[in-house]
Protein backbone atom coordinates (compact mmCIF):
# COMPACT_ATOMS: atom_id res chain seq x y z
CA UNK A 1 176.54 94.08 89.80
CA UNK A 2 177.10 90.44 89.16
CA UNK A 3 175.41 87.12 91.11
CA UNK A 4 178.55 87.22 93.51
CA UNK A 5 178.11 88.65 96.74
CA UNK A 6 177.36 92.11 96.63
CA UNK A 7 177.68 95.42 99.12
CA UNK A 8 175.79 98.24 98.12
CA UNK A 9 176.43 101.58 100.69
CA UNK A 10 174.26 104.38 100.26
CA UNK A 11 176.31 106.82 102.50
CA UNK A 12 178.72 109.79 100.75
CA UNK A 13 181.71 108.11 101.07
CA UNK A 14 185.37 107.27 98.96
CA UNK A 15 186.79 104.00 98.96
CA UNK A 16 190.64 103.72 99.57
CA UNK A 17 193.20 100.97 98.32
CA UNK A 18 195.13 100.37 100.89
CA UNK A 19 198.67 100.74 99.48
CA UNK A 20 198.12 98.26 96.73
CA UNK A 21 201.64 98.74 94.87
CA UNK A 22 203.36 100.73 97.39
CA UNK A 23 207.99 99.25 96.66
CA UNK A 24 208.71 97.02 99.98
CA UNK A 25 205.32 97.36 101.78
CA UNK A 26 203.94 94.33 100.64
CA UNK A 27 203.90 91.71 102.70
CA UNK A 28 202.21 88.90 100.83
CA UNK A 29 203.38 88.88 97.72
CA UNK A 30 204.05 85.56 95.50
CA UNK A 31 207.91 84.68 95.33
CA UNK A 32 206.92 84.00 91.70
CA UNK A 33 204.97 86.93 90.83
CA UNK A 34 204.98 90.90 90.45
CA UNK A 35 202.18 92.92 91.25
CA UNK A 36 200.63 95.07 87.96
CA UNK A 37 198.97 98.12 88.16
CA UNK A 38 197.44 100.14 85.33
CA UNK A 39 194.86 103.02 85.08
CA UNK A 40 193.33 104.08 82.18
CA UNK A 41 190.29 106.74 81.61
CA UNK A 42 187.05 105.55 81.23
CA UNK A 43 183.30 106.13 81.49
CA UNK A 44 184.28 109.81 82.62
CA UNK A 45 186.26 108.79 85.42
CA UNK A 46 189.61 106.63 85.67
CA UNK A 47 189.67 102.88 85.95
CA UNK A 48 192.94 101.21 88.24
CA UNK A 49 193.34 97.27 87.72
CA UNK A 50 196.06 95.77 90.01
CA UNK A 51 197.13 92.34 89.04
CA UNK A 52 199.70 89.31 89.84
CA UNK A 53 201.70 88.38 86.87
CA UNK A 54 205.24 86.28 86.21
CA UNK A 55 206.44 89.32 84.08
CA UNK A 56 205.31 92.55 82.48
CA UNK A 57 204.60 90.84 79.05
CA UNK A 58 201.80 88.65 80.83
CA UNK A 59 200.54 91.64 82.71
CA UNK A 60 200.11 94.24 79.37
CA UNK A 61 198.21 90.96 77.92
CA UNK A 62 196.07 91.00 80.68
CA UNK A 63 195.51 95.33 80.45
CA UNK A 64 194.96 95.08 77.16
CA UNK A 65 191.97 92.52 76.94
CA UNK A 66 190.35 94.35 80.46
CA UNK A 67 190.46 97.88 79.36
CA UNK A 68 189.44 97.07 75.77
CA UNK A 69 186.23 95.00 77.26
CA UNK A 70 185.82 98.44 79.46
CA UNK A 71 186.03 100.07 76.54
CA UNK A 72 183.47 98.42 74.40
CA UNK A 73 181.07 98.48 77.06
CA UNK A 74 181.36 102.18 77.35
CA UNK A 75 180.86 102.00 73.82
CA UNK A 76 177.71 100.63 73.93
CA UNK A 77 176.28 102.24 76.86
CA UNK A 78 177.36 105.66 77.27
CA UNK A 79 175.12 108.46 76.67
CA UNK A 80 177.88 111.06 76.17
CA UNK A 81 178.50 108.79 72.33
CA UNK A 82 175.69 109.55 69.92
CA UNK A 83 176.83 106.30 67.97
CA UNK A 84 176.05 103.96 71.22
CA UNK A 85 173.05 101.76 71.48
CA UNK A 86 171.58 103.24 74.34
CA UNK A 87 171.83 106.59 72.14
CA UNK A 88 170.19 105.43 69.75
CA UNK A 89 167.41 104.13 72.03
CA UNK A 90 167.25 107.07 73.36
CA UNK A 91 166.74 109.17 70.53
CA UNK A 92 164.28 106.72 68.62
CA UNK A 93 161.86 104.54 71.44
CA UNK A 94 160.10 107.44 71.89
CA UNK A 95 158.38 107.25 68.71
CA UNK A 96 158.23 103.53 68.02
CA UNK A 97 159.83 100.16 69.66
CA UNK A 98 163.66 99.92 68.94
CA UNK A 99 164.86 96.46 68.52
CA UNK A 100 168.32 95.93 70.11
CA UNK A 101 170.91 93.48 70.86
CA UNK A 102 170.57 91.07 73.10
CA UNK A 103 173.26 92.38 75.97
CA UNK A 104 171.86 95.55 75.98
CA UNK A 105 168.44 94.29 76.51
CA UNK A 106 169.71 91.83 78.66
CA UNK A 107 171.30 95.02 80.91
CA UNK A 108 167.77 96.92 80.79
CA UNK A 109 165.42 93.58 82.12
CA UNK A 110 168.00 93.73 84.80
CA UNK A 111 168.06 97.14 85.31
CA UNK A 112 163.66 97.39 85.54
CA UNK A 113 164.17 94.21 87.80
CA UNK A 114 166.05 96.34 90.15
CA UNK A 115 163.39 99.60 89.66
CA UNK A 116 160.60 96.96 90.55
CA UNK A 117 162.20 95.17 93.86
CA UNK A 118 163.27 98.49 95.17
CA UNK A 119 160.25 100.46 94.33
CA UNK A 120 161.74 102.94 92.17
CA UNK A 121 164.80 103.96 93.98
CA UNK A 122 167.02 102.72 91.87
CA UNK A 123 165.69 104.64 88.26
CA UNK A 124 167.91 104.52 85.19
CA UNK A 125 165.18 106.87 83.79
CA UNK A 126 166.44 109.94 84.94
CA UNK A 127 168.22 111.51 82.21
CA UNK A 128 166.16 114.23 81.29
CA UNK A 129 166.60 115.01 85.60
CA UNK A 130 170.48 114.75 85.77
CA UNK A 131 170.36 117.52 82.52
CA UNK A 132 167.98 119.68 84.05
CA UNK A 133 170.43 119.53 87.51
CA UNK A 134 172.97 120.33 85.39
CA UNK A 135 174.99 117.21 85.91
CA UNK A 136 175.51 116.43 82.22
CA UNK A 137 178.60 118.22 80.27
CA UNK A 138 177.96 120.89 82.89
CA UNK A 139 178.04 122.65 86.30
CA UNK A 140 175.54 121.96 88.13
CA UNK A 141 172.38 124.39 87.99
CA UNK A 142 169.12 125.03 90.32
CA UNK A 143 165.83 124.19 87.79
CA UNK A 144 162.89 126.48 88.36
CA UNK A 145 159.89 124.21 89.40
CA UNK A 146 158.34 124.69 85.71
CA UNK A 147 161.19 122.74 84.33
CA UNK A 148 161.26 119.80 86.58
CA UNK A 149 157.42 119.85 86.33
CA UNK A 150 158.45 118.94 82.58
CA UNK A 151 161.53 116.48 83.62
CA UNK A 152 159.50 114.41 86.03
CA UNK A 153 156.61 113.63 83.36
CA UNK A 154 159.98 112.38 81.55
CA UNK A 155 161.02 110.53 84.63
CA UNK A 156 159.75 107.04 85.49
CA UNK A 157 161.08 103.22 84.80
CA UNK A 158 157.24 102.47 84.87
CA UNK A 159 156.83 104.09 81.25
CA UNK A 160 159.06 101.90 79.45
CA UNK A 161 157.87 99.18 77.87
CA UNK A 162 160.25 96.02 77.62
CA UNK A 163 159.11 93.44 74.91
CA UNK A 164 160.71 90.51 75.38
CA UNK A 165 159.82 88.05 72.54
CA UNK A 166 160.93 91.25 69.88
CA UNK A 167 164.08 92.43 72.73
CA UNK A 168 162.40 96.13 72.04
CA UNK A 169 162.48 98.78 74.15
CA UNK A 170 159.63 101.84 73.75
CA UNK A 171 159.23 104.29 75.59
CA UNK A 172 155.55 105.39 77.11
CA UNK A 173 156.03 109.10 77.71
CA UNK A 174 158.10 111.30 75.08
CA UNK A 175 161.54 112.54 75.29
CA UNK A 176 162.64 110.28 78.44
CA UNK A 177 166.05 109.72 78.40
CA UNK A 178 167.89 106.67 79.97
CA UNK A 179 171.03 106.99 82.01
CA UNK A 180 173.00 104.27 82.97
CA UNK A 181 175.58 105.61 85.70
CA UNK A 182 173.85 104.03 88.32
CA UNK A 183 174.60 100.53 86.57
CA UNK A 184 177.04 100.97 84.11
CA UNK A 185 180.33 100.94 86.15
CA UNK A 186 179.70 98.09 87.83
CA UNK A 187 178.54 95.99 84.63
CA UNK A 188 181.64 97.16 82.58
CA UNK A 189 183.62 95.45 85.90
CA UNK A 190 181.74 92.83 85.88
CA UNK A 191 182.08 92.22 82.13
CA UNK A 192 185.88 92.81 82.34
CA UNK A 193 186.52 90.70 84.59
CA UNK A 194 185.07 88.03 82.98
CA UNK A 195 188.26 88.18 80.74
CA UNK A 196 190.65 88.02 83.12
CA UNK A 197 189.15 85.15 84.75
CA UNK A 198 188.94 83.39 81.17
CA UNK A 199 192.65 84.27 80.53
CA UNK A 200 193.15 82.20 84.08
CA UNK A 201 193.63 85.32 86.53
CA UNK A 202 192.31 84.11 89.67
CA UNK A 203 192.78 87.25 91.87
CA UNK A 204 192.35 90.90 91.25
CA UNK A 205 190.66 94.05 92.41
CA UNK A 206 189.62 96.41 89.85
CA UNK A 207 187.85 99.68 90.16
CA UNK A 208 185.92 102.35 88.65
CA UNK A 209 186.27 106.07 89.76
CA UNK A 210 187.42 104.11 93.39
CA UNK A 211 183.55 104.37 93.80
CA UNK A 212 182.67 101.04 92.36
CA UNK A 213 185.13 97.77 92.59
CA UNK A 214 184.76 94.00 91.87
CA UNK A 215 187.75 92.05 94.51
CA UNK A 216 188.65 88.39 93.15
CA UNK A 217 190.27 85.93 95.04
CA UNK A 218 192.58 87.50 97.96
CA UNK A 219 195.79 89.00 98.10
CA UNK A 220 198.41 85.92 98.11
CA UNK A 221 199.29 85.13 101.65
CA UNK A 222 196.23 87.51 103.34
CA UNK A 223 192.15 86.84 103.56
CA UNK A 224 191.62 88.99 101.03
CA UNK A 225 192.00 92.69 99.72
CA UNK A 226 191.77 95.34 102.59
CA UNK A 227 189.52 98.31 101.15
CA UNK A 228 188.54 101.11 103.62
CA UNK A 229 185.53 103.94 103.32
CA UNK A 230 186.41 107.45 103.32
CA UNK A 231 184.85 110.44 105.04
CA UNK A 232 182.73 112.21 102.69
CA UNK A 233 184.11 115.45 103.84
CA UNK A 234 187.01 114.85 105.86
CA UNK A 235 189.06 113.05 103.27
CA UNK A 236 191.71 112.02 105.33
CA UNK A 237 189.82 110.08 108.06
CA UNK A 238 188.95 106.73 107.58
CA UNK A 239 185.16 105.16 108.54
CA UNK A 240 185.72 101.82 108.14
CA UNK A 241 188.07 99.38 106.07
CA UNK A 242 186.28 95.61 104.37
CA UNK A 243 188.67 92.48 103.41
CA UNK A 244 187.31 91.63 99.95
CA UNK A 245 187.10 88.28 98.97
CA UNK A 246 185.20 87.39 95.69
CA UNK A 247 182.95 90.57 96.66
CA UNK A 248 181.67 93.81 94.83
CA UNK A 249 181.23 96.92 96.69
CA UNK A 250 180.04 100.46 95.75
CA UNK A 251 179.49 103.82 97.36
CA UNK A 252 177.35 106.62 96.26
CA UNK A 253 176.70 110.32 97.22
CA UNK A 254 177.16 113.55 97.32
CA UNK A 255 181.13 113.80 98.05
CA UNK A 256 181.93 114.16 94.51
CA UNK A 257 178.83 114.92 92.37
CA UNK A 258 177.22 118.32 93.56
CA UNK A 259 177.51 121.74 92.93
CA UNK A 260 177.27 125.18 95.06
CA UNK A 261 174.07 127.02 95.20
CA UNK A 262 173.21 130.55 96.69
CA UNK A 263 176.22 129.29 99.57
CA UNK A 264 174.94 126.47 99.71
């Protein structure tokens, strides 16, 4: 995500957004502005934006700018859309280097920087593994050892070559596929947040699927944006809470992305 302070919690949990628009309960509301909220479907989940504005028409214009940017990023990065730039790279980079646009190339550079720094713990080359385990347009399945052996040969960040001079991407393993699931929502939120900042919005909370969010500024009269962490197995139980100011927060785990196999 962006250079702002980011907190990454590798836990099986979801975020709880604390009563942001509850009528009559916003003790920090501005006297001249109202808290507006809107959610829209994108990237296989629901994105929701909370902003303050003097009137509804102003809020609607801001919603359009932010969600249009989410849609633009999804159009470039979605591996569910054959027309996306990422799908073009996946289809062609195993045969020959693919020259891509500056934005996508910069994001790939960032992703592989994270792979190097994490020793491969973060890796966007897991496309074939996601399919083998049934997490791509499917309900989940247990792969055979032969299937896993094959897709492991089609996975691994060291099997991708980025040429900065040519701004090209090439795969050293035929069949390798990039999957932006670990970085795409955060990147989209950063870009949409920039659209809001350019329009003079200093205080907002924007989340994608309640698992990734960007908090800018604070709720008027408060120290920040209050956010809770939900227990993955007991949804009504909160295990932590954070007051976020100019920060990003993301959770990752098996609370929502899972399937049952032979009773497990």
